[in-house]
Amino acid sequence: MFAEAGEASAVAARQLARNATAVAAIAQRLLDHPPRAVVTCARGSSDHAATYAKYLIETVLGVLTSSASLSVSSVYAAPQSLDGVLYLAISQSGKSPDLLLAVEAAKRAGAFTVALVNDEASPLAQLADAVLPLHAGPELSVAATKSYIAALVAIAQLVAAWSGDAVLETALQALPADLAEAWNLDWSPARLALEPARNLYVLGRGVGLAVAQEAALKFKETSGLHAEAFSAAEVLHGPMALVGPDFPVLVFAQDDETQASVETMADEIAARGAQVLLASARGGGDSLPAVVAHPFLQPLLMIQSFYRMVNALSVARGFDPDRPPHLNKVTQTV
């Protein structure tokens, strides 16, 4: 896990270069035939990448984006109306049976299917109308790291081309160097704080919610630590009842329109006696360091710093981060 997560910078550089032509072609197709909606199709870490796609597409392009419920196709075999819909299937392996059934059903229902997949020889890559390879290379650790970041890069590159956002496209060119910098940031205070923990919340908002979800999953997978992810705007609706002394909360706060509300929530949580670990590019106080970058890309950089920390946390808690109990690389859900 440590070695693979450390490859994210090289993966992003390779992906941005090799996918430029494919991204341009898909973007042109979407401009020529604007989709009435976008549906994402994924599970696990890939579904957290889909959360990022939802916020980015709806924020930048204003196109309604929703997550597919795979059981609708794989279990209920219910017909759907997906004419004029962009269907984004995101997967590291491209082999999960329920995901393949969902994509087959989407094609029959009239959707334009695009696969973001690491294995270009996978059934998913063969099935989709268009493919954006993740170019992450072999990922042997059960816990996805570089392939998750690669999925976020693919989404950002597609949205930048589709929307014609020159600022985001320029920021993407700096992303590999930014990821290398993020990998070397010191998040050891978080490791020390969380080593004795039993439960925690992970908060984010907007495009940052996706990495909060991913971080919560990695705490469970690698460290035997029960973690729940929430939007910083939702935690007041019930979950706050558990917050108090000795209850840690990890907060991701990218530097955009959500930051003020996220930091206000962090302050309120701290006032209840909880231990707040705030990741912010603004720095200051006891915050975890983050790289200054385009706000849409800051979550990618924060999760890269997180991966190094959680790998160390896993080892410190006596776990093997490469071999989580009861898990497999390809989940055979039908």
C-alpha atoms as a PDB file:
ATOM      1  CA  MET A   1       0.000   0.000   0.000  1.00  0.00           C
ATOM      2  CA  PHE A   2       2.774   2.431   0.932  1.00  0.00           C
ATOM      3  CA  ALA A   3       4.673   1.865  -2.324  1.00  0.00           C
ATOM      4  CA  GLU A   4       1.557   2.003  -4.499  1.00  0.00           C
ATOM      5  CA  ALA A   5       0.189   5.163  -2.902  1.00  0.00           C
ATOM      6  CA  GLY A   6       3.583   6.769  -3.390  1.00  0.00           C
ATOM      7  CA  GLU A   7       3.256   6.191  -7.148  1.00  0.00           C
ATOM      8  CA  ALA A   8       0.269   8.536  -7.505  1.00  0.00           C
ATOM      9  CA  SER A   9       2.336  11.433  -8.834  1.00  0.00           C
ATOM     10  CA  ALA A  10       3.801   9.329 -11.645  1.00  0.00           C
ATOM     11  CA  VAL A  11       0.397   7.787 -12.354  1.00  0.00           C
ATOM     12  CA  ALA A  12      -1.213  11.226 -12.713  1.00  0.00           C
ATOM     13  CA  ALA A  13       1.514  12.432 -15.071  1.00  0.00           C
ATOM     14  CA  ARG A  14       1.188   9.320 -17.235  1.00  0.00           C
ATOM     15  CA  GLN A  15      -2.588   9.463 -17.256  1.00  0.00           C
ATOM     16  CA  LEU A  16      -2.879  13.142 -18.144  1.00  0.00           C
ATOM     17  CA  ALA A  17      -0.530  12.677 -21.098  1.00  0.00           C
ATOM     18  CA  ARG A  18      -1.886   9.395 -22.450  1.00  0.00           C
ATOM     19  CA  ASN A  19      -5.574  10.226 -22.077  1.00  0.00           C
ATOM     20  CA  ALA A  20      -5.508  13.673 -23.713  1.00  0.00           C
ATOM     21  CA  THR A  21      -6.803  12.434 -27.078  1.00  0.00           C
ATOM     22  CA  ALA A  22      -9.459  10.157 -25.598  1.00  0.00           C
ATOM     23  CA  VAL A  23     -10.661  12.876 -23.218  1.00  0.00           C
ATOM     24  CA  ALA A  24     -10.905  15.395 -26.063  1.00  0.00           C
ATOM     25  CA  ALA A  25     -12.963  12.953 -28.152  1.00  0.00           C
ATOM     26  CA  ILE A  26     -15.394  12.188 -25.319  1.00  0.00           C
ATOM     27  CA  ALA A  27     -15.692  15.883 -24.451  1.00  0.00           C
ATOM     28  CA  GLN A  28     -16.486  16.733 -28.066  1.00  0.00           C
ATOM     29  CA  ARG A  29     -19.130  14.030 -28.169  1.00  0.00           C
ATOM     30  CA  LEU A  30     -20.721  15.483 -25.033  1.00  0.00           C
ATOM     31  CA  LEU A  31     -20.642  18.978 -26.540  1.00  0.00           C
ATOM     32  CA  ASP A  32     -22.229  17.739 -29.763  1.00  0.00           C
ATOM     33  CA  HIS A  33     -24.846  15.706 -27.881  1.00  0.00           C
ATOM     34  CA  PRO A  34     -25.305  17.318 -24.446  1.00  0.00           C
ATOM     35  CA  PRO A  35     -26.512  14.694 -21.958  1.00  0.00           C
ATOM     36  CA  ARG A  36     -29.752  15.365 -20.114  1.00  0.00           C
ATOM     37  CA  ALA A  37     -28.205  13.803 -17.000  1.00  0.00           C
ATOM     38  CA  VAL A  38     -25.214  11.838 -15.773  1.00  0.00           C
ATOM     39  CA  VAL A  39     -25.439   8.536 -13.917  1.00  0.00           C
ATOM     40  CA  THR A  40     -22.438   7.104 -12.076  1.00  0.00           C
ATOM     41  CA  CYS A  41     -21.951   3.394 -11.543  1.00  0.00           C
ATOM     42  CA  ALA A  42     -19.432   2.137  -8.966  1.00  0.00           C
ATOM     43  CA  ARG A  43     -18.837   0.490  -5.615  1.00  0.00           C
ATOM     44  CA  GLY A  44     -16.337   0.975  -2.795  1.00  0.00           C
ATOM     45  CA  SER A  45     -13.556   3.479  -3.375  1.00  0.00           C
ATOM     46  CA  SER A  46     -14.739   3.919  -6.952  1.00  0.00           C
ATOM     47  CA  ASP A  47     -18.128   5.046  -5.645  1.00  0.00           C
ATOM     48  CA  HIS A  48     -16.354   7.691  -3.570  1.00  0.00           C
ATOM     49  CA  ALA A  49     -14.782   8.875  -6.829  1.00  0.00           C
ATOM     50  CA  ALA A  50     -18.325   9.026  -8.187  1.00  0.00           C
ATOM     51  CA  THR A  51     -19.227  11.435  -5.368  1.00  0.00           C
ATOM     52  CA  TYR A  52     -16.428  13.686  -6.622  1.00  0.00           C
ATOM     53  CA  ALA A  53     -17.842  13.411 -10.147  1.00  0.00           C
ATOM     54  CA  LYS A  54     -21.294  14.444  -8.925  1.00  0.00           C
ATOM     55  CA  TYR A  55     -20.093  17.610  -7.223  1.00  0.00           C
ATOM     56  CA  LEU A  56     -17.688  18.560  -9.996  1.00  0.00           C
ATOM     57  CA  ILE A  57     -20.130  17.994 -12.872  1.00  0.00           C
ATOM     58  CA  GLU A  58     -23.048  19.685 -11.159  1.00  0.00           C
ATOM     59  CA  THR A  59     -20.904  22.624  -9.994  1.00  0.00           C
ATOM     60  CA  VAL A  60     -19.027  23.257 -13.230  1.00  0.00           C
ATOM     61  CA  LEU A  61     -21.512  22.103 -15.870  1.00  0.00           C
ATOM     62  CA  GLY A  62     -24.879  22.251 -14.118  1.00  0.00           C
ATOM     63  CA  VAL A  63     -25.829  18.759 -15.307  1.00  0.00           C
ATOM     64  CA  LEU A  64     -27.836  16.642 -12.869  1.00  0.00           C
ATOM     65  CA  THR A  65     -25.694  13.723 -11.676  1.00  0.00           C
ATOM     66  CA  SER A  66     -26.964  10.714  -9.747  1.00  0.00           C
ATOM     67  CA  SER A  67     -25.549   7.428  -8.472  1.00  0.00           C
ATOM     68  CA  ALA A  68     -26.948   4.219  -9.959  1.00  0.00           C
ATOM     69  CA  SER A  69     -28.415   1.628  -7.612  1.00  0.00           C
ATOM     70  CA  LEU A  70     -26.832  -1.470  -9.134  1.00  0.00           C
ATOM     71  CA  SER A  71     -29.405  -3.871  -7.716  1.00  0.00           C
ATOM     72  CA  VAL A  72     -32.045  -2.274  -9.938  1.00  0.00           C
ATOM     73  CA  SER A  73     -30.332  -4.016 -12.858  1.00  0.00           C
ATOM     74  CA  SER A  74     -28.531  -6.971 -11.307  1.00  0.00           C
ATOM     75  CA  VAL A  75     -31.253  -8.193  -8.920  1.00  0.00           C
ATOM     76  CA  TYR A  76     -34.557  -6.653  -9.980  1.00  0.00           C
ATOM     77  CA  ALA A  77     -33.808  -6.552 -13.726  1.00  0.00           C
ATOM     78  CA  ALA A  78     -36.015  -3.478 -13.915  1.00  0.00           C
ATOM     79  CA  PRO A  79     -36.109  -1.600 -17.234  1.00  0.00           C
ATOM     80  CA  GLN A  80     -34.871   1.988 -17.207  1.00  0.00           C
ATOM     81  CA  SER A  81     -35.119   4.990 -19.519  1.00  0.00           C
ATOM     82  CA  LEU A  82     -31.605   6.311 -20.077  1.00  0.00           C
ATOM     83  CA  ASP A  83     -31.817   7.905 -23.511  1.00  0.00           C
ATOM     84  CA  GLY A  84     -29.540  10.951 -23.644  1.00  0.00           C
ATOM     85  CA  VAL A  85     -27.775  10.013 -20.399  1.00  0.00           C
ATOM     86  CA  LEU A  86     -24.017   9.862 -19.844  1.00  0.00           C
ATOM     87  CA  TYR A  87     -23.315   6.701 -17.835  1.00  0.00           C
ATOM     88  CA  LEU A  88     -19.948   6.780 -16.040  1.00  0.00           C
ATOM     89  CA  ALA A  89     -18.780   3.380 -14.811  1.00  0.00           C
ATOM     90  CA  ILE A  90     -15.782   3.587 -12.477  1.00  0.00           C
ATOM     91  CA  SER A  91     -13.784   0.507 -11.501  1.00  0.00           C
ATOM     92  CA  GLN A  92     -10.232  -0.569 -10.742  1.00  0.00           C
ATOM     93  CA  SER A  93     -10.659  -4.150 -11.967  1.00  0.00           C
ATOM     94  CA  GLY A  94     -13.578  -3.816 -14.381  1.00  0.00           C
ATOM     95  CA  LYS A  95     -14.737  -7.311 -13.391  1.00  0.00           C
ATOM     96  CA  SER A  96     -17.466  -6.971 -10.745  1.00  0.00           C
ATOM     97  CA  PRO A  97     -20.522  -8.862 -12.034  1.00  0.00           C
ATOM     98  CA  ASP A  98     -23.153  -6.414 -10.796  1.00  0.00           C
ATOM     99  CA  LEU A  99     -21.335  -3.468 -12.334  1.00  0.00           C
ATOM    100  CA  LEU A 100     -21.116  -5.250 -15.691  1.00  0.00           C
ATOM    101  CA  LEU A 101     -24.822  -6.105 -15.582  1.00  0.00           C
ATOM    102  CA  ALA A 102     -25.633  -2.469 -14.822  1.00  0.00           C
ATOM    103  CA  VAL A 103     -23.582  -1.206 -17.769  1.00  0.00           C
ATOM    104  CA  GLU A 104     -25.164  -3.758 -20.103  1.00  0.00           C
ATOM    105  CA  ALA A 105     -28.606  -2.609 -18.963  1.00  0.00           C
ATOM    106  CA  ALA A 106     -27.639   1.055 -19.389  1.00  0.00           C
ATOM    107  CA  LYS A 107     -26.537   0.446 -22.968  1.00  0.00           C
ATOM    108  CA  ARG A 108     -29.813  -1.323 -23.749  1.00  0.00           C
ATOM    109  CA  ALA A 109     -31.646   1.631 -22.197  1.00  0.00           C
ATOM    110  CA  GLY A 110     -29.943   4.095 -24.547  1.00  0.00           C
ATOM    111  CA  ALA A 111     -27.134   5.554 -22.427  1.00  0.00           C
ATOM    112  CA  PHE A 112     -23.711   6.603 -23.687  1.00  0.00           C
ATOM    113  CA  THR A 113     -21.416   4.523 -21.490  1.00  0.00           C
ATOM    114  CA  VAL A 114     -17.903   5.591 -20.504  1.00  0.00           C
ATOM    115  CA  ALA A 115     -15.631   3.351 -18.435  1.00  0.00           C
ATOM    116  CA  LEU A 116     -12.974   4.760 -16.111  1.00  0.00           C
ATOM    117  CA  VAL A 117     -11.067   1.547 -15.512  1.00  0.00           C
ATOM    118  CA  ASN A 118      -7.550   0.508 -14.620  1.00  0.00           C
ATOM    119  CA  ASP A 119      -7.524  -2.797 -16.514  1.00  0.00           C
ATOM    120  CA  GLU A 120      -7.872  -1.983 -20.219  1.00  0.00           C
ATOM    121  CA  ALA A 121      -8.366  -5.674 -21.034  1.00  0.00           C
ATOM    122  CA  SER A 122     -11.221  -6.049 -18.547  1.00  0.00           C
ATOM    123  CA  PRO A 123     -14.798  -6.964 -19.472  1.00  0.00           C
ATOM    124  CA  LEU A 124     -15.896  -3.441 -18.537  1.00  0.00           C
ATOM    125  CA  ALA A 125     -13.449  -1.844 -20.970  1.00  0.00           C
ATOM    126  CA  GLN A 126     -14.688  -4.142 -23.724  1.00  0.00           C
ATOM    127  CA  LEU A 127     -18.317  -3.381 -22.931  1.00  0.00           C
ATOM    128  CA  ALA A 128     -18.316   0.433 -22.692  1.00  0.00           C
ATOM    129  CA  ASP A 129     -18.817   2.809 -25.613  1.00  0.00           C
ATOM    130  CA  ALA A 130     -15.688   4.747 -24.624  1.00  0.00           C
ATOM    131  CA  VAL A 131     -12.849   4.113 -22.200  1.00  0.00           C
ATOM    132  CA  LEU A 132     -10.642   6.380 -20.082  1.00  0.00           C
ATOM    133  CA  PRO A 133      -7.860   4.129 -18.778  1.00  0.00           C
ATOM    134  CA  LEU A 134      -6.604   4.990 -15.301  1.00  0.00           C
ATOM    135  CA  HIS A 135      -3.020   3.975 -16.162  1.00  0.00           C
ATOM    136  CA  ALA A 136      -2.327   3.183 -12.497  1.00  0.00           C
ATOM    137  CA  GLY A 137      -0.512  -0.051 -13.258  1.00  0.00           C
ATOM    138  CA  PRO A 138      -0.877  -3.192 -11.128  1.00  0.00           C
ATOM    139  CA  GLU A 139      -2.358  -2.525  -7.702  1.00  0.00           C
ATOM    140  CA  LEU A 140      -1.704  -5.500  -5.434  1.00  0.00           C
ATOM    141  CA  SER A 141      -2.803  -4.046  -2.120  1.00  0.00           C
ATOM    142  CA  VAL A 142      -6.466  -4.779  -1.440  1.00  0.00           C
ATOM    143  CA  ALA A 143      -6.919  -1.187  -0.281  1.00  0.00           C
ATOM    144  CA  ALA A 144      -7.096   1.021  -3.385  1.00  0.00           C
ATOM    145  CA  THR A 145      -4.913   4.127  -3.309  1.00  0.00           C
ATOM    146  CA  LYS A 146      -3.286   5.171  -6.570  1.00  0.00           C
ATOM    147  CA  SER A 147      -6.246   3.858  -8.591  1.00  0.00           C
ATOM    148  CA  TYR A 148      -8.620   5.988  -6.510  1.00  0.00           C
ATOM    149  CA  ILE A 149      -6.563   9.117  -7.118  1.00  0.00           C
ATOM    150  CA  ALA A 150      -6.326   8.165 -10.799  1.00  0.00           C
ATOM    151  CA  ALA A 151     -10.130   7.995 -10.994  1.00  0.00           C
ATOM    152  CA  LEU A 152     -10.386  11.512  -9.552  1.00  0.00           C
ATOM    153  CA  VAL A 153      -7.782  12.743 -12.053  1.00  0.00           C
ATOM    154  CA  ALA A 154      -9.733  11.211 -14.934  1.00  0.00           C
ATOM    155  CA  ILE A 155     -12.930  12.897 -13.761  1.00  0.00           C
ATOM    156  CA  ALA A 156     -11.249  16.280 -13.378  1.00  0.00           C
ATOM    157  CA  GLN A 157      -9.561  16.005 -16.788  1.00  0.00           C
ATOM    158  CA  LEU A 158     -12.855  15.113 -18.474  1.00  0.00           C
ATOM    159  CA  VAL A 159     -14.777  17.924 -16.755  1.00  0.00           C
ATOM    160  CA  ALA A 160     -12.070  20.452 -17.627  1.00  0.00           C
ATOM    161  CA  ALA A 161     -12.195  19.480 -21.309  1.00  0.00           C
ATOM    162  CA  TRP A 162     -15.997  19.220 -21.435  1.00  0.00           C
ATOM    163  CA  SER A 163     -16.485  22.632 -19.820  1.00  0.00           C
ATOM    164  CA  GLY A 164     -13.533  24.345 -21.523  1.00  0.00           C
ATOM    165  CA  ASP A 165     -12.197  25.390 -18.100  1.00  0.00           C
ATOM    166  CA  ALA A 166      -8.699  26.586 -18.992  1.00  0.00           C
ATOM    167  CA  VAL A 167      -7.853  27.385 -15.358  1.00  0.00           C
ATOM    168  CA  LEU A 168      -8.609  23.832 -14.256  1.00  0.00           C
ATOM    169  CA  GLU A 169      -6.711  22.400 -17.242  1.00  0.00           C
ATOM    170  CA  THR A 170      -3.644  24.457 -16.289  1.00  0.00           C
ATOM    171  CA  ALA A 171      -3.928  23.365 -12.669  1.00  0.00           C
ATOM    172  CA  LEU A 172      -4.048  19.726 -13.774  1.00  0.00           C
ATOM    173  CA  GLN A 173      -0.665  20.085 -15.413  1.00  0.00           C
ATOM    174  CA  ALA A 174       0.803  21.005 -12.029  1.00  0.00           C
ATOM    175  CA  LEU A 175      -0.974  18.140 -10.280  1.00  0.00           C
ATOM    176  CA  PRO A 176       1.798  15.495 -10.516  1.00  0.00           C
ATOM    177  CA  ALA A 177       4.282  17.814  -8.791  1.00  0.00           C
ATOM    178  CA  ASP A 178       1.640  18.790  -6.246  1.00  0.00           C
ATOM    179  CA  LEU A 179       0.954  15.116  -5.472  1.00  0.00           C
ATOM    180  CA  ALA A 180       4.657  14.526  -4.892  1.00  0.00           C
ATOM    181  CA  GLU A 181       4.701  17.438  -2.463  1.00  0.00           C
ATOM    182  CA  ALA A 182       1.557  16.189  -0.713  1.00  0.00           C
ATOM    183  CA  TRP A 183       3.100  12.733  -0.245  1.00  0.00           C
ATOM    184  CA  ASN A 184       5.923  14.244   1.778  1.00  0.00           C
ATOM    185  CA  LEU A 185       3.798  16.334   4.155  1.00  0.00           C
ATOM    186  CA  ASP A 186       3.900  15.431   7.836  1.00  0.00           C
ATOM    187  CA  TRP A 187       0.556  14.161   9.102  1.00  0.00           C
ATOM    188  CA  SER A 188       2.110  12.284  12.035  1.00  0.00           C
ATOM    189  CA  PRO A 189       0.033  14.279  14.578  1.00  0.00           C
ATOM    190  CA  ALA A 190      -3.034  12.542  13.135  1.00  0.00           C
ATOM    191  CA  ARG A 191      -1.400   9.129  13.458  1.00  0.00           C
ATOM    192  CA  LEU A 192      -0.489   9.775  17.084  1.00  0.00           C
ATOM    193  CA  ALA A 193      -3.949  11.099  17.911  1.00  0.00           C
ATOM    194  CA  LEU A 194      -5.775   8.196  16.270  1.00  0.00           C
ATOM    195  CA  GLU A 195      -3.614   5.286  17.410  1.00  0.00           C
ATOM    196  CA  PRO A 196      -5.689   4.720  20.586  1.00  0.00           C
ATOM    197  CA  ALA A 197      -9.031   5.664  18.979  1.00  0.00           C
ATOM    198  CA  ARG A 198     -11.995   3.334  18.578  1.00  0.00           C
ATOM    199  CA  ASN A 199     -14.415   5.539  16.629  1.00  0.00           C
ATOM    200  CA  LEU A 200     -14.300   8.777  14.691  1.00  0.00           C
ATOM    201  CA  TYR A 201     -16.088  10.943  12.171  1.00  0.00           C
ATOM    202  CA  VAL A 202     -14.578  12.141   8.911  1.00  0.00           C
ATOM    203  CA  LEU A 203     -16.086  15.333   7.497  1.00  0.00           C
ATOM    204  CA  GLY A 204     -15.896  17.103   4.166  1.00  0.00           C
ATOM    205  CA  ARG A 205     -18.193  19.193   2.032  1.00  0.00           C
ATOM    206  CA  GLY A 206     -18.718  19.715  -1.689  1.00  0.00           C
ATOM    207  CA  VAL A 207     -15.917  18.176  -3.730  1.00  0.00           C
ATOM    208  CA  GLY A 208     -14.218  17.313  -0.429  1.00  0.00           C
ATOM    209  CA  LEU A 209     -16.965  14.907   0.656  1.00  0.00           C
ATOM    210  CA  ALA A 210     -15.541  12.265  -1.693  1.00  0.00           C
ATOM    211  CA  VAL A 211     -12.236  12.077   0.163  1.00  0.00           C
ATOM    212  CA  ALA A 212     -13.981  12.072   3.543  1.00  0.00           C
ATOM    213  CA  GLN A 213     -15.847   8.963   2.376  1.00  0.00           C
ATOM    214  CA  GLU A 214     -12.629   7.411   1.114  1.00  0.00           C
ATOM    215  CA  ALA A 215     -10.742   8.162   4.330  1.00  0.00           C
ATOM    216  CA  ALA A 216     -13.485   6.602   6.456  1.00  0.00           C
ATOM    217  CA  LEU A 217     -13.320   3.425   4.382  1.00  0.00           C
ATOM    218  CA  LYS A 218      -9.537   3.253   4.667  1.00  0.00           C
ATOM    219  CA  PHE A 219      -9.703   3.573   8.464  1.00  0.00           C
ATOM    220  CA  LYS A 220     -11.967   0.505   8.501  1.00  0.00           C
ATOM    221  CA  GLU A 221     -10.013  -1.494   5.917  1.00  0.00           C
ATOM    222  CA  THR A 222      -6.497  -0.909   7.138  1.00  0.00           C
ATOM    223  CA  SER A 223      -6.712  -0.037  10.835  1.00  0.00           C
ATOM    224  CA  GLY A 224      -9.739  -1.766  12.332  1.00  0.00           C
ATOM    225  CA  LEU A 225     -11.068   1.662  13.231  1.00  0.00           C
ATOM    226  CA  HIS A 226     -14.778   2.416  12.992  1.00  0.00           C
ATOM    227  CA  ALA A 227     -15.149   5.640  11.037  1.00  0.00           C
ATOM    228  CA  GLU A 228     -18.180   7.310   9.523  1.00  0.00           C
ATOM    229  CA  ALA A 229     -18.104   9.983   6.817  1.00  0.00           C
ATOM    230  CA  PHE A 230     -20.550  12.870   6.760  1.00  0.00           C
ATOM    231  CA  SER A 231     -20.985  16.132   4.975  1.00  0.00           C
ATOM    232  CA  ALA A 232     -20.026  18.921   7.348  1.00  0.00           C
ATOM    233  CA  ALA A 233     -23.487  20.305   6.598  1.00  0.00           C
ATOM    234  CA  GLU A 234     -25.183  17.078   7.740  1.00  0.00           C
ATOM    235  CA  VAL A 235     -23.367  16.238  10.943  1.00  0.00           C
ATOM    236  CA  LEU A 236     -25.691  18.456  12.985  1.00  0.00           C
ATOM    237  CA  HIS A 237     -28.656  16.295  11.925  1.00  0.00           C
ATOM    238  CA  GLY A 238     -28.237  13.609  14.568  1.00  0.00           C
ATOM    239  CA  PRO A 239     -24.580  12.476  14.416  1.00  0.00           C
ATOM    240  CA  MET A 240     -23.467  15.397  16.602  1.00  0.00           C
ATOM    241  CA  ALA A 241     -25.082  13.609  19.563  1.00  0.00           C
ATOM    242  CA  LEU A 242     -22.041  11.307  19.788  1.00  0.00           C
ATOM    243  CA  VAL A 243     -19.448  14.079  19.663  1.00  0.00           C
ATOM    244  CA  GLY A 244     -17.698  14.921  22.903  1.00  0.00           C
ATOM    245  CA  PRO A 245     -14.420  14.522  24.793  1.00  0.00           C
ATOM    246  CA  ASP A 246     -12.082  11.857  23.402  1.00  0.00           C
ATOM    247  CA  PHE A 247     -14.112  11.584  20.169  1.00  0.00           C
ATOM    248  CA  PRO A 248     -11.766  12.454  17.275  1.00  0.00           C
ATOM    249  CA  VAL A 249     -12.984  14.127  14.083  1.00  0.00           C
ATOM    250  CA  LEU A 250     -10.929  14.403  10.902  1.00  0.00           C
ATOM    251  CA  VAL A 251     -12.024  17.330   8.738  1.00  0.00           C
ATOM    252  CA  PHE A 252     -11.093  18.015   5.104  1.00  0.00           C
ATOM    253  CA  ALA A 253     -11.486  21.708   4.214  1.00  0.00           C
ATOM    254  CA  GLN A 254     -10.589  22.699   0.667  1.00  0.00           C
ATOM    255  CA  ASP A 255     -10.187  26.402  -0.065  1.00  0.00           C
ATOM    256  CA  ASP A 256     -13.487  27.137  -1.831  1.00  0.00           C
ATOM    257  CA  GLU A 257     -16.951  28.442  -0.989  1.00  0.00           C
ATOM    258  CA  THR A 258     -17.459  25.638   1.517  1.00  0.00           C
ATOM    259  CA  GLN A 259     -14.395  26.385   3.638  1.00  0.00           C
ATOM    260  CA  ALA A 260     -15.891  28.950   6.001  1.00  0.00           C
ATOM    261  CA  SER A 261     -18.826  26.704   6.927  1.00  0.00           C
ATOM    262  CA  VAL A 262     -16.562  23.662   7.334  1.00  0.00           C
ATOM    263  CA  GLU A 263     -14.176  25.539   9.613  1.00  0.00           C
ATOM    264  CA  THR A 264     -17.092  26.921  11.631  1.00  0.00           C
ATOM    265  CA  MET A 265     -18.335  23.362  12.111  1.00  0.00           C
ATOM    266  CA  ALA A 266     -14.832  22.269  13.155  1.00  0.00           C
ATOM    267  CA  ASP A 267     -14.778  25.029  15.773  1.00  0.00           C
ATOM    268  CA  GLU A 268     -18.172  23.960  17.104  1.00  0.00           C
ATOM    269  CA  ILE A 269     -17.038  20.350  17.369  1.00  0.00           C
ATOM    270  CA  ALA A 270     -13.871  21.417  19.184  1.00  0.00           C
ATOM    271  CA  ALA A 271     -15.987  23.458  21.607  1.00  0.00           C
ATOM    272  CA  ARG A 272     -17.721  20.213  22.593  1.00  0.00           C
ATOM    273  CA  GLY A 273     -14.367  18.816  23.695  1.00  0.00           C
ATOM    274  CA  ALA A 274     -13.755  16.635  20.660  1.00  0.00           C
ATOM    275  CA  GLN A 275     -10.297  16.309  19.168  1.00  0.00           C
ATOM    276  CA  VAL A 276     -10.405  17.996  15.751  1.00  0.00           C
ATOM    277  CA  LEU A 277      -7.826  17.163  13.089  1.00  0.00           C
ATOM    278  CA  LEU A 278      -8.307  19.808  10.387  1.00  0.00           C
ATOM    279  CA  ALA A 279      -6.652  19.402   6.993  1.00  0.00           C
ATOM    280  CA  SER A 280      -6.434  22.814   5.354  1.00  0.00           C
ATOM    281  CA  ALA A 281      -4.186  24.561   2.840  1.00  0.00           C
ATOM    282  CA  ARG A 282      -4.657  27.776   4.826  1.00  0.00           C
ATOM    283  CA  GLY A 283      -2.630  26.324   7.684  1.00  0.00           C
ATOM    284  CA  GLY A 284      -2.534  27.852  11.122  1.00  0.00           C
ATOM    285  CA  GLY A 285      -3.095  26.450  14.575  1.00  0.00           C
ATOM    286  CA  ASP A 286      -2.959  22.671  14.852  1.00  0.00           C
ATOM    287  CA  SER A 287      -4.170  22.044  11.304  1.00  0.00           C
ATOM    288  CA  LEU A 288      -2.734  19.246   9.190  1.00  0.00           C
ATOM    289  CA  PRO A 289      -0.710  20.708   6.311  1.00  0.00           C
ATOM    290  CA  ALA A 290      -2.075  20.704   2.764  1.00  0.00           C
ATOM    291  CA  VAL A 291      -0.752  21.884  -0.586  1.00  0.00           C
ATOM    292  CA  VAL A 292      -2.093  25.134  -2.020  1.00  0.00           C
ATOM    293  CA  ALA A 293      -3.688  24.323  -5.375  1.00  0.00           C
ATOM    294  CA  HIS A 294      -6.889  24.741  -7.391  1.00  0.00           C
ATOM    295  CA  PRO A 295      -9.750  24.099  -4.919  1.00  0.00           C
ATOM    296  CA  PHE A 296     -11.146  21.282  -7.058  1.00  0.00           C
ATOM    297  CA  LEU A 297      -7.800  19.484  -6.849  1.00  0.00           C
ATOM    298  CA  GLN A 298      -7.021  20.053  -3.175  1.00  0.00           C
ATOM    299  CA  PRO A 299      -9.046  16.982  -2.107  1.00  0.00           C
ATOM    300  CA  LEU A 300      -6.787  14.785  -4.272  1.00  0.00           C
ATOM    301  CA  LEU A 301      -3.734  16.212  -2.551  1.00  0.00           C
ATOM    302  CA  MET A 302      -5.216  15.795   0.919  1.00  0.00           C
ATOM    303  CA  ILE A 303      -6.107  12.154   0.353  1.00  0.00           C
ATOM    304  CA  GLN A 304      -2.564  11.540  -0.867  1.00  0.00           C
ATOM    305  CA  SER A 305      -1.184  12.893   2.420  1.00  0.00           C
ATOM    306  CA  PHE A 306      -3.818  10.851   4.255  1.00  0.00           C
ATOM    307  CA  TYR A 307      -2.764   7.587   2.582  1.00  0.00           C
ATOM    308  CA  ARG A 308       0.765   7.885   3.944  1.00  0.00           C
ATOM    309  CA  MET A 309      -0.569   8.626   7.411  1.00  0.00           C
ATOM    310  CA  VAL A 310      -3.138   5.821   7.470  1.00  0.00           C
ATOM    311  CA  ASN A 311      -0.569   3.287   6.305  1.00  0.00           C
ATOM    312  CA  ALA A 312       1.596   4.238   9.296  1.00  0.00           C
ATOM    313  CA  LEU A 313      -1.465   4.158  11.571  1.00  0.00           C
ATOM    314  CA  SER A 314      -2.310   0.656  10.393  1.00  0.00           C
ATOM    315  CA  VAL A 315       1.153  -0.617  11.242  1.00  0.00           C
ATOM    316  CA  ALA A 316       1.149   1.182  14.599  1.00  0.00           C
ATOM    317  CA  ARG A 317      -2.163  -0.474  15.510  1.00  0.00           C
ATOM    318  CA  GLY A 318      -0.778  -3.914  14.646  1.00  0.00           C
ATOM    319  CA  PHE A 319      -2.522  -4.451  11.306  1.00  0.00           C
ATOM    320  CA  ASP A 320      -1.225  -5.376   7.866  1.00  0.00           C
ATOM    321  CA  PRO A 321      -2.405  -2.545   5.565  1.00  0.00           C
ATOM    322  CA  ASP A 322      -1.907  -4.713   2.465  1.00  0.00           C
ATOM    323  CA  ARG A 323      -4.138  -7.559   3.610  1.00  0.00           C
ATOM    324  CA  PRO A 324      -7.308  -6.380   5.350  1.00  0.00           C
ATOM    325  CA  PRO A 325      -9.250  -9.255   6.952  1.00  0.00           C
ATOM    326  CA  HIS A 326     -12.193 -10.741   5.041  1.00  0.00           C
ATOM    327  CA  LEU A 327     -11.611  -8.623   1.893  1.00  0.00           C
ATOM    328  CA  ASN A 328     -10.633  -9.361  -1.707  1.00  0.00           C
ATOM    329  CA  LYS A 329      -9.388  -7.130  -4.498  1.00  0.00           C
ATOM    330  CA  VAL A 330     -12.326  -7.970  -6.769  1.00  0.00           C
ATOM    331  CA  THR A 331     -15.695  -8.090  -5.027  1.00  0.00           C
ATOM    332  CA  GLN A 332     -18.006 -10.665  -6.619  1.00  0.00           C
ATOM    333  CA  THR A 333     -21.313  -8.927  -5.938  1.00  0.00           C
ATOM    334  CA  VAL A 334     -24.246  -9.958  -8.136  1.00  0.00           C
END
